[in-house]
Amino acid sequence: MSVSQETSSALVQELFELQRVMRRVLKASITERELSVVQMSLLSHLASVPARRAKDIGAESGLGASVMSRQLSHLEKLGFIERTPDPEDGRAQLVQITERGRTAVADNLESDTRGLIERLGALSEDDAARTRQDLNRLTETFLTSLGLERMTTHIPRVDPQRPRNATTQTTTTETARRLEDSVQ
């Protein structure tokens, strides 16, 4: 059984609205975030896969070469990723996440989780679980239709009960200072 034109049209509108609102939510939380959405996506992906070439990461993420190069350079300066020579091709390099990068992913996930808990305050646990299942099903449907797999399969789970400072938190200011120091 296929989806009707009316239902499909309504889903498109809802997805665009969700995308618009999520940009606003993420923008509102930028002062609490150490990583941009693109950087978090890249690091989450790298936390899920073995070392790989930047061009492969770009192909998997859908990012263009210039954006990929800029983001990876920034993440490398912060110590979140490292590049090593590719043993199969001496001219190429492999990119992999560092422990510092894994910690940054966990810290940002924790911050995002806490923010989402606050925003979802009106939903019951059952409603939130159903929403998650529905979003997962929709994501899987889209991935299958595109012949793709999930980019983030092994990112750390966050315990919302864990004290906020249980891991080393790095503020945006500290990150900017480290980046400036590494450039000088």
N, C-alpha and C. Protein backbone atom coordinates (compact mmCIF):
# COMPACT_ATOMS: atom_id res chain seq x y z
N MET A 1 0.85 -1.17 0.00
CA MET A 1 0.00 0.00 0.00
C MET A 1 0.90 1.24 0.00
N SER A 2 0.61 2.18 -0.87
CA SER A 2 1.43 3.38 -0.96
C SER A 2 0.78 4.53 -0.19
N VAL A 3 1.56 5.55 0.04
CA VAL A 3 1.11 6.72 0.78
C VAL A 3 0.39 7.66 -0.18
N SER A 4 -0.70 8.24 0.26
CA SER A 4 -1.48 9.15 -0.59
C SER A 4 -0.75 10.46 -0.81
N GLN A 5 -1.12 11.15 -1.86
CA GLN A 5 -0.57 12.47 -2.18
C GLN A 5 -0.78 13.43 -1.01
N GLU A 6 -1.96 13.39 -0.43
CA GLU A 6 -2.29 14.29 0.67
C GLU A 6 -1.41 14.03 1.90
N THR A 7 -1.25 12.78 2.26
CA THR A 7 -0.41 12.43 3.41
C THR A 7 1.05 12.78 3.13
N SER A 8 1.51 12.48 1.91
CA SER A 8 2.88 12.79 1.54
C SER A 8 3.14 14.29 1.60
N SER A 9 2.21 15.07 1.10
CA SER A 9 2.34 16.53 1.13
C SER A 9 2.39 17.04 2.56
N ALA A 10 1.54 16.50 3.43
CA ALA A 10 1.54 16.91 4.83
C ALA A 10 2.85 16.52 5.52
N LEU A 11 3.38 15.34 5.20
CA LEU A 11 4.67 14.92 5.77
C LEU A 11 5.80 15.84 5.33
N VAL A 12 5.81 16.21 4.07
CA VAL A 12 6.84 17.13 3.57
C VAL A 12 6.78 18.43 4.35
N GLN A 13 5.59 18.96 4.52
CA GLN A 13 5.43 20.22 5.27
C GLN A 13 5.90 20.07 6.71
N GLU A 14 5.54 18.97 7.35
CA GLU A 14 5.95 18.74 8.74
C GLU A 14 7.47 18.57 8.85
N LEU A 15 8.07 17.89 7.88
CA LEU A 15 9.52 17.71 7.91
C LEU A 15 10.25 19.04 7.71
N PHE A 16 9.74 19.87 6.81
CA PHE A 16 10.35 21.20 6.63
C PHE A 16 10.20 22.03 7.90
N GLU A 17 9.04 21.94 8.54
CA GLU A 17 8.83 22.68 9.78
C GLU A 17 9.75 22.16 10.89
N LEU A 18 9.89 20.85 10.99
CA LEU A 18 10.80 20.27 11.98
C LEU A 18 12.23 20.72 11.72
N GLN A 19 12.63 20.73 10.47
CA GLN A 19 13.99 21.17 10.12
C GLN A 19 14.18 22.64 10.51
N ARG A 20 13.20 23.48 10.23
CA ARG A 20 13.29 24.90 10.57
C ARG A 20 13.39 25.08 12.08
N VAL A 21 12.54 24.38 12.83
CA VAL A 21 12.53 24.50 14.28
C VAL A 21 13.83 23.96 14.87
N MET A 22 14.33 22.85 14.35
CA MET A 22 15.59 22.30 14.86
C MET A 22 16.76 23.26 14.66
N ARG A 23 16.77 23.96 13.53
CA ARG A 23 17.82 24.98 13.34
C ARG A 23 17.72 26.05 14.42
N ARG A 24 16.51 26.45 14.77
CA ARG A 24 16.31 27.46 15.81
C ARG A 24 16.72 26.90 17.18
N VAL A 25 16.36 25.67 17.46
CA VAL A 25 16.73 25.05 18.74
C VAL A 25 18.25 24.99 18.85
N LEU A 26 18.91 24.54 17.79
CA LEU A 26 20.36 24.44 17.82
C LEU A 26 21.02 25.81 17.91
N LYS A 27 20.46 26.79 17.22
CA LYS A 27 21.00 28.15 17.28
C LYS A 27 20.85 28.70 18.69
N ALA A 28 19.71 28.42 19.34
CA ALA A 28 19.48 28.90 20.71
C ALA A 28 20.46 28.27 21.69
N SER A 29 20.93 27.07 21.40
CA SER A 29 21.83 26.38 22.32
C SER A 29 23.29 26.54 21.94
N ILE A 30 23.60 27.41 20.98
CA ILE A 30 24.98 27.53 20.47
C ILE A 30 25.96 27.93 21.57
N THR A 31 25.51 28.72 22.55
CA THR A 31 26.44 29.13 23.62
C THR A 31 26.80 27.96 24.52
N GLU A 32 25.95 26.93 24.54
CA GLU A 32 26.23 25.76 25.37
C GLU A 32 26.95 24.67 24.59
N ARG A 33 27.07 24.84 23.28
CA ARG A 33 27.65 23.82 22.42
C ARG A 33 29.12 24.13 22.13
N GLU A 34 29.92 23.13 22.24
CA GLU A 34 31.33 23.28 21.88
C GLU A 34 31.51 23.08 20.38
N LEU A 35 30.64 22.27 19.79
CA LEU A 35 30.77 21.91 18.38
C LEU A 35 29.57 22.38 17.59
N SER A 36 29.81 22.76 16.34
CA SER A 36 28.70 23.07 15.45
C SER A 36 27.98 21.77 15.10
N VAL A 37 26.83 21.89 14.50
CA VAL A 37 26.07 20.71 14.09
C VAL A 37 26.88 19.88 13.10
N VAL A 38 27.54 20.54 12.15
CA VAL A 38 28.35 19.82 11.15
C VAL A 38 29.51 19.11 11.83
N GLN A 39 30.19 19.80 12.74
CA GLN A 39 31.32 19.18 13.44
C GLN A 39 30.85 18.00 14.29
N MET A 40 29.73 18.17 14.97
CA MET A 40 29.19 17.07 15.79
C MET A 40 28.83 15.89 14.90
N SER A 41 28.25 16.16 13.76
CA SER A 41 27.89 15.08 12.83
C SER A 41 29.14 14.34 12.35
N LEU A 42 30.17 15.09 11.99
CA LEU A 42 31.42 14.47 11.52
C LEU A 42 32.07 13.64 12.63
N LEU A 43 32.17 14.20 13.82
CA LEU A 43 32.81 13.47 14.92
C LEU A 43 31.99 12.24 15.32
N SER A 44 30.67 12.37 15.33
CA SER A 44 29.82 11.22 15.65
C SER A 44 30.04 10.10 14.64
N HIS A 45 30.15 10.50 13.38
CA HIS A 45 30.41 9.51 12.32
C HIS A 45 31.77 8.86 12.53
N LEU A 46 32.79 9.67 12.78
CA LEU A 46 34.13 9.13 12.97
C LEU A 46 34.23 8.24 14.21
N ALA A 47 33.37 8.50 15.21
CA ALA A 47 33.34 7.65 16.40
C ALA A 47 32.74 6.28 16.09
N SER A 48 32.05 6.17 14.95
CA SER A 48 31.34 4.94 14.59
C SER A 48 32.07 4.08 13.57
N VAL A 49 33.15 4.60 13.01
CA VAL A 49 33.80 3.90 11.90
C VAL A 49 35.31 3.88 12.10
N PRO A 50 36.00 2.96 11.42
CA PRO A 50 37.47 2.98 11.48
C PRO A 50 38.02 4.17 10.70
N ALA A 51 39.31 4.42 10.84
CA ALA A 51 39.95 5.53 10.13
C ALA A 51 39.65 5.42 8.63
N ARG A 52 39.48 6.58 8.01
CA ARG A 52 39.17 6.61 6.58
C ARG A 52 39.67 7.91 5.96
N ARG A 53 39.70 7.91 4.64
CA ARG A 53 40.14 9.08 3.90
C ARG A 53 39.07 10.18 3.96
N ALA A 54 39.54 11.42 3.90
CA ALA A 54 38.63 12.57 3.95
C ALA A 54 37.62 12.52 2.81
N LYS A 55 38.05 12.10 1.62
CA LYS A 55 37.11 12.05 0.48
C LYS A 55 36.00 11.04 0.73
N ASP A 56 36.30 9.95 1.46
CA ASP A 56 35.27 8.97 1.79
C ASP A 56 34.31 9.53 2.84
N ILE A 57 34.85 10.27 3.80
CA ILE A 57 34.00 10.90 4.81
C ILE A 57 33.06 11.89 4.13
N GLY A 58 33.61 12.65 3.17
CA GLY A 58 32.79 13.60 2.42
C GLY A 58 31.67 12.92 1.66
N ALA A 59 32.00 11.81 1.01
CA ALA A 59 30.99 11.07 0.25
C ALA A 59 29.91 10.51 1.18
N GLU A 60 30.33 10.03 2.34
CA GLU A 60 29.38 9.44 3.29
C GLU A 60 28.50 10.50 3.95
N SER A 61 29.04 11.69 4.12
CA SER A 61 28.31 12.74 4.83
C SER A 61 27.53 13.66 3.89
N GLY A 62 27.91 13.66 2.62
CA GLY A 62 27.25 14.56 1.67
C GLY A 62 27.84 15.96 1.67
N LEU A 63 28.95 16.16 2.36
CA LEU A 63 29.58 17.48 2.40
C LEU A 63 30.54 17.64 1.23
N GLY A 64 30.63 18.85 0.73
CA GLY A 64 31.55 19.15 -0.36
C GLY A 64 32.99 19.14 0.12
N ALA A 65 33.91 19.05 -0.83
CA ALA A 65 35.34 18.95 -0.50
C ALA A 65 35.85 20.15 0.29
N SER A 66 35.44 21.37 -0.08
CA SER A 66 35.96 22.55 0.61
C SER A 66 35.44 22.63 2.05
N VAL A 67 34.16 22.33 2.24
CA VAL A 67 33.58 22.32 3.59
C VAL A 67 34.25 21.24 4.42
N MET A 68 34.43 20.07 3.83
CA MET A 68 35.05 18.96 4.53
C MET A 68 36.47 19.33 4.95
N SER A 69 37.22 19.89 4.05
CA SER A 69 38.61 20.27 4.34
C SER A 69 38.67 21.28 5.49
N ARG A 70 37.82 22.29 5.42
CA ARG A 70 37.79 23.32 6.46
C ARG A 70 37.40 22.74 7.82
N GLN A 71 36.38 21.91 7.85
CA GLN A 71 35.91 21.33 9.11
C GLN A 71 36.95 20.38 9.70
N LEU A 72 37.54 19.55 8.86
CA LEU A 72 38.55 18.62 9.37
C LEU A 72 39.79 19.37 9.89
N SER A 73 40.19 20.43 9.20
CA SER A 73 41.33 21.22 9.68
C SER A 73 41.03 21.82 11.05
N HIS A 74 39.81 22.34 11.20
CA HIS A 74 39.41 22.93 12.48
C HIS A 74 39.40 21.87 13.58
N LEU A 75 38.82 20.72 13.29
CA LEU A 75 38.76 19.64 14.29
C LEU A 75 40.15 19.13 14.64
N GLU A 76 41.04 19.10 13.65
CA GLU A 76 42.41 18.66 13.91
C GLU A 76 43.13 19.66 14.82
N LYS A 77 42.94 20.96 14.58
CA LYS A 77 43.58 21.98 15.41
C LYS A 77 43.09 21.91 16.86
N LEU A 78 41.85 21.48 17.03
CA LEU A 78 41.31 21.33 18.38
C LEU A 78 41.75 20.03 19.05
N GLY A 79 42.39 19.15 18.28
CA GLY A 79 42.84 17.87 18.82
C GLY A 79 41.75 16.81 18.86
N PHE A 80 40.67 17.01 18.11
CA PHE A 80 39.55 16.08 18.11
C PHE A 80 39.71 14.96 17.08
N ILE A 81 40.52 15.21 16.07
CA ILE A 81 40.84 14.18 15.08
C ILE A 81 42.34 14.20 14.84
N GLU A 82 42.82 13.12 14.22
CA GLU A 82 44.23 13.08 13.80
C GLU A 82 44.30 12.45 12.42
N ARG A 83 45.30 12.85 11.70
CA ARG A 83 45.53 12.29 10.37
C ARG A 83 46.81 11.47 10.41
N THR A 84 46.76 10.32 9.77
CA THR A 84 47.93 9.45 9.70
C THR A 84 48.10 9.02 8.25
N PRO A 85 49.32 8.68 7.85
CA PRO A 85 49.53 8.22 6.47
C PRO A 85 48.71 6.96 6.19
N ASP A 86 48.17 6.89 4.99
CA ASP A 86 47.43 5.71 4.56
C ASP A 86 48.45 4.65 4.17
N PRO A 87 48.47 3.49 4.83
CA PRO A 87 49.47 2.47 4.50
C PRO A 87 49.32 1.91 3.09
N GLU A 88 48.14 2.06 2.50
CA GLU A 88 47.91 1.56 1.14
C GLU A 88 48.28 2.57 0.07
N ASP A 89 48.39 3.85 0.44
CA ASP A 89 48.71 4.90 -0.52
C ASP A 89 49.45 6.00 0.23
N GLY A 90 50.74 6.05 0.07
CA GLY A 90 51.59 6.99 0.79
C GLY A 90 51.23 8.45 0.56
N ARG A 91 50.53 8.75 -0.53
CA ARG A 91 50.14 10.13 -0.81
C ARG A 91 48.90 10.54 -0.03
N ALA A 92 48.13 9.59 0.43
CA ALA A 92 46.85 9.87 1.10
C ALA A 92 47.01 9.79 2.62
N GLN A 93 46.02 10.36 3.31
CA GLN A 93 45.98 10.30 4.77
C GLN A 93 44.65 9.73 5.23
N LEU A 94 44.72 9.08 6.39
CA LEU A 94 43.51 8.57 7.03
C LEU A 94 43.16 9.50 8.19
N VAL A 95 41.88 9.70 8.38
CA VAL A 95 41.38 10.56 9.46
C VAL A 95 40.70 9.67 10.49
N GLN A 96 41.01 9.92 11.76
CA GLN A 96 40.33 9.18 12.83
C GLN A 96 40.11 10.10 14.01
N ILE A 97 39.11 9.76 14.79
CA ILE A 97 38.77 10.54 15.98
C ILE A 97 39.77 10.21 17.09
N THR A 98 40.07 11.21 17.92
CA THR A 98 40.95 11.01 19.07
C THR A 98 40.09 10.81 20.32
N GLU A 99 40.73 10.44 21.42
CA GLU A 99 40.00 10.33 22.68
C GLU A 99 39.40 11.67 23.07
N ARG A 100 40.14 12.72 22.81
CA ARG A 100 39.63 14.07 23.09
C ARG A 100 38.37 14.34 22.25
N GLY A 101 38.38 13.87 21.01
CA GLY A 101 37.20 14.00 20.15
C GLY A 101 36.02 13.20 20.67
N ARG A 102 36.30 11.97 21.14
CA ARG A 102 35.22 11.14 21.72
C ARG A 102 34.62 11.82 22.95
N THR A 103 35.47 12.42 23.77
CA THR A 103 34.99 13.13 24.95
C THR A 103 34.12 14.32 24.53
N ALA A 104 34.54 15.03 23.49
CA ALA A 104 33.75 16.18 23.00
C ALA A 104 32.39 15.72 22.50
N VAL A 105 32.34 14.59 21.80
CA VAL A 105 31.06 14.05 21.33
C VAL A 105 30.17 13.73 22.53
N ALA A 106 30.72 13.05 23.52
CA ALA A 106 29.94 12.69 24.71
C ALA A 106 29.46 13.93 25.45
N ASP A 107 30.33 14.93 25.58
CA ASP A 107 29.94 16.17 26.28
C ASP A 107 28.83 16.90 25.53
N ASN A 108 28.96 17.00 24.21
CA ASN A 108 27.93 17.69 23.42
C ASN A 108 26.63 16.91 23.42
N LEU A 109 26.73 15.58 23.36
CA LEU A 109 25.52 14.76 23.44
C LEU A 109 24.82 14.95 24.78
N GLU A 110 25.60 15.02 25.84
CA GLU A 110 25.03 15.24 27.17
C GLU A 110 24.30 16.57 27.22
N SER A 111 24.93 17.62 26.71
CA SER A 111 24.31 18.94 26.69
C SER A 111 23.03 18.94 25.86
N ASP A 112 23.09 18.32 24.68
CA ASP A 112 21.91 18.24 23.82
C ASP A 112 20.79 17.44 24.48
N THR A 113 21.16 16.36 25.16
CA THR A 113 20.17 15.52 25.84
C THR A 113 19.47 16.30 26.94
N ARG A 114 20.24 17.02 27.73
CA ARG A 114 19.64 17.82 28.81
C ARG A 114 18.71 18.89 28.23
N GLY A 115 19.13 19.53 27.16
CA GLY A 115 18.28 20.54 26.53
C GLY A 115 17.00 19.94 25.99
N LEU A 116 17.09 18.76 25.42
CA LEU A 116 15.91 18.10 24.87
C LEU A 116 14.95 17.68 25.99
N ILE A 117 15.49 17.21 27.09
CA ILE A 117 14.65 16.84 28.24
C ILE A 117 13.82 18.05 28.66
N GLU A 118 14.45 19.21 28.71
CA GLU A 118 13.72 20.43 29.09
C GLU A 118 12.64 20.77 28.07
N ARG A 119 12.97 20.66 26.78
CA ARG A 119 12.01 21.02 25.74
C ARG A 119 10.87 20.01 25.62
N LEU A 120 11.11 18.77 25.99
CA LEU A 120 10.09 17.73 25.88
C LEU A 120 9.29 17.57 27.17
N GLY A 121 9.39 18.51 28.07
CA GLY A 121 8.75 18.42 29.37
C GLY A 121 7.27 18.08 29.32
N ALA A 122 6.55 18.50 28.27
CA ALA A 122 5.11 18.26 28.20
C ALA A 122 4.78 16.85 27.71
N LEU A 123 5.76 16.14 27.16
CA LEU A 123 5.51 14.79 26.66
C LEU A 123 5.70 13.76 27.77
N SER A 124 4.89 12.72 27.72
CA SER A 124 5.11 11.60 28.64
C SER A 124 6.26 10.76 28.10
N GLU A 125 6.78 9.88 28.92
CA GLU A 125 7.85 8.97 28.47
C GLU A 125 7.35 8.11 27.32
N ASP A 126 6.10 7.63 27.40
CA ASP A 126 5.53 6.80 26.32
C ASP A 126 5.42 7.59 25.01
N ASP A 127 4.97 8.85 25.10
CA ASP A 127 4.86 9.69 23.90
C ASP A 127 6.24 9.92 23.27
N ALA A 128 7.22 10.20 24.12
CA ALA A 128 8.58 10.44 23.63
C ALA A 128 9.15 9.18 22.98
N ALA A 129 8.90 8.02 23.59
CA ALA A 129 9.39 6.75 23.03
C ALA A 129 8.73 6.46 21.69
N ARG A 130 7.42 6.72 21.58
CA ARG A 130 6.73 6.51 20.29
C ARG A 130 7.26 7.46 19.23
N THR A 131 7.51 8.69 19.61
CA THR A 131 8.06 9.67 18.66
C THR A 131 9.43 9.21 18.18
N ARG A 132 10.25 8.74 19.09
CA ARG A 132 11.57 8.22 18.71
C ARG A 132 11.44 7.06 17.74
N GLN A 133 10.54 6.13 18.03
CA GLN A 133 10.34 4.99 17.13
C GLN A 133 9.87 5.44 15.76
N ASP A 134 8.94 6.40 15.73
CA ASP A 134 8.44 6.91 14.45
C ASP A 134 9.53 7.62 13.65
N LEU A 135 10.34 8.42 14.35
CA LEU A 135 11.45 9.10 13.67
C LEU A 135 12.47 8.09 13.16
N ASN A 136 12.75 7.07 13.95
CA ASN A 136 13.68 6.03 13.53
C ASN A 136 13.16 5.31 12.30
N ARG A 137 11.90 4.98 12.31
CA ARG A 137 11.30 4.29 11.16
C ARG A 137 11.36 5.16 9.91
N LEU A 138 11.06 6.44 10.05
CA LEU A 138 11.13 7.35 8.91
C LEU A 138 12.57 7.48 8.40
N THR A 139 13.50 7.60 9.33
CA THR A 139 14.92 7.68 8.96
C THR A 139 15.35 6.43 8.21
N GLU A 140 15.00 5.27 8.73
CA GLU A 140 15.35 4.00 8.07
C GLU A 140 14.72 3.90 6.67
N THR A 141 13.49 4.36 6.55
CA THR A 141 12.82 4.34 5.24
C THR A 141 13.57 5.21 4.24
N PHE A 142 13.95 6.41 4.66
CA PHE A 142 14.70 7.31 3.78
C PHE A 142 16.06 6.71 3.42
N LEU A 143 16.76 6.20 4.43
CA LEU A 143 18.08 5.60 4.17
C LEU A 143 17.98 4.45 3.18
N THR A 144 17.01 3.59 3.37
CA THR A 144 16.81 2.46 2.47
C THR A 144 16.52 2.93 1.05
N SER A 145 15.65 3.94 0.93
CA SER A 145 15.29 4.44 -0.41
C SER A 145 16.49 5.06 -1.13
N LEU A 146 17.46 5.53 -0.36
CA LEU A 146 18.67 6.14 -0.94
C LEU A 146 19.83 5.15 -1.04
N GLY A 147 19.63 3.94 -0.53
CA GLY A 147 20.70 2.95 -0.54
C GLY A 147 21.83 3.31 0.41
N LEU A 148 21.51 4.00 1.50
CA LEU A 148 22.51 4.43 2.46
C LEU A 148 22.35 3.70 3.79
N GLU A 149 23.37 3.82 4.62
CA GLU A 149 23.33 3.29 5.97
C GLU A 149 23.48 4.44 6.94
N ARG A 150 23.12 4.20 8.19
CA ARG A 150 23.29 5.22 9.22
C ARG A 150 24.76 5.62 9.33
N MET A 151 24.98 6.91 9.57
CA MET A 151 26.35 7.39 9.77
C MET A 151 26.78 7.24 11.22
N THR A 152 25.85 7.28 12.13
CA THR A 152 26.20 7.27 13.55
C THR A 152 25.53 6.08 14.22
N THR A 153 26.30 5.02 14.38
CA THR A 153 25.73 3.81 14.97
C THR A 153 26.26 3.52 16.35
N HIS A 154 27.43 4.03 16.68
CA HIS A 154 28.05 3.67 17.97
C HIS A 154 28.42 4.90 18.80
N ILE A 155 27.65 5.96 18.67
CA ILE A 155 27.97 7.13 19.49
C ILE A 155 27.58 6.84 20.93
N PRO A 156 28.26 7.46 21.88
CA PRO A 156 28.02 7.12 23.28
C PRO A 156 26.60 7.44 23.71
N ARG A 157 26.08 6.61 24.58
CA ARG A 157 24.77 6.87 25.19
C ARG A 157 24.98 7.83 26.35
N VAL A 158 24.01 8.68 26.57
CA VAL A 158 24.13 9.67 27.63
C VAL A 158 23.20 9.30 28.77
N ASP A 159 23.73 9.36 29.98
CA ASP A 159 22.93 9.13 31.17
C ASP A 159 22.48 10.49 31.68
N PRO A 160 21.19 10.84 31.53
CA PRO A 160 20.72 12.16 31.94
C PRO A 160 20.83 12.37 33.45
N GLN A 161 21.03 11.33 34.22
CA GLN A 161 21.16 11.45 35.67
C GLN A 161 22.60 11.75 36.09
N ARG A 162 23.54 11.60 35.13
CA ARG A 162 24.95 11.82 35.45
C ARG A 162 25.17 13.29 35.78
N PRO A 163 25.95 13.58 36.82
CA PRO A 163 26.23 14.98 37.14
C PRO A 163 26.85 15.69 35.94
N ARG A 164 26.51 16.94 35.77
CA ARG A 164 26.92 17.71 34.60
C ARG A 164 28.43 17.71 34.40
N ASN A 165 29.20 17.76 35.44
CA ASN A 165 30.65 17.85 35.31
C ASN A 165 31.34 16.50 35.46
N ALA A 166 30.63 15.43 35.16
CA ALA A 166 31.21 14.09 35.31
C ALA A 166 32.30 13.83 34.28
N THR A 167 32.27 14.54 33.17
CA THR A 167 33.34 14.44 32.19
C THR A 167 33.95 15.82 32.04
N THR A 168 35.07 15.89 31.39
CA THR A 168 35.72 17.16 31.19
C THR A 168 34.93 17.97 30.18
N GLN A 169 34.36 19.05 30.64
CA GLN A 169 33.61 19.94 29.75
C GLN A 169 34.55 21.01 29.22
N THR A 170 34.39 21.38 27.99
CA THR A 170 35.17 22.46 27.41
C THR A 170 34.18 23.48 26.88
N THR A 171 34.33 24.72 27.31
CA THR A 171 33.40 25.74 26.85
C THR A 171 33.80 26.22 25.47
N THR A 172 32.87 26.92 24.81
CA THR A 172 33.16 27.48 23.50
C THR A 172 34.33 28.44 23.59
N THR A 173 34.39 29.22 24.66
CA THR A 173 35.49 30.16 24.84
C THR A 173 36.82 29.43 24.96
N GLU A 174 36.85 28.35 25.75
CA GLU A 174 38.08 27.57 25.89
C GLU A 174 38.49 26.95 24.55
N THR A 175 37.51 26.48 23.81
CA THR A 175 37.79 25.89 22.50
C THR A 175 38.38 26.94 21.57
N ALA A 176 37.78 28.13 21.55
CA ALA A 176 38.28 29.21 20.69
C ALA A 176 39.70 29.60 21.10
N ARG A 177 39.95 29.65 22.42
CA ARG A 177 41.29 30.00 22.90
C ARG A 177 42.31 28.95 22.46
N ARG A 178 41.95 27.65 22.56
CA ARG A 178 42.86 26.59 22.12
C ARG A 178 43.14 26.70 20.64
N LEU A 179 42.10 27.00 19.86
CA LEU A 179 42.27 27.14 18.41
C LEU A 179 43.19 28.31 18.09
N GLU A 180 42.98 29.45 18.76
CA GLU A 180 43.83 30.62 18.53
C GLU A 180 45.27 30.31 18.91
N ASP A 181 45.48 29.62 20.03
CA ASP A 181 46.84 29.27 20.46
C ASP A 181 47.52 28.34 19.45
N SER A 182 46.75 27.44 18.86
CA SER A 182 47.36 26.49 17.91
C SER A 182 47.70 27.16 16.59
N VAL A 183 47.01 28.26 16.27
CA VAL A 183 47.27 28.96 15.01
C VAL A 183 48.50 29.84 15.14
N GLN A 184 48.74 30.37 16.33
CA GLN A 184 49.87 31.30 16.54
C GLN A 184 51.19 30.60 16.55
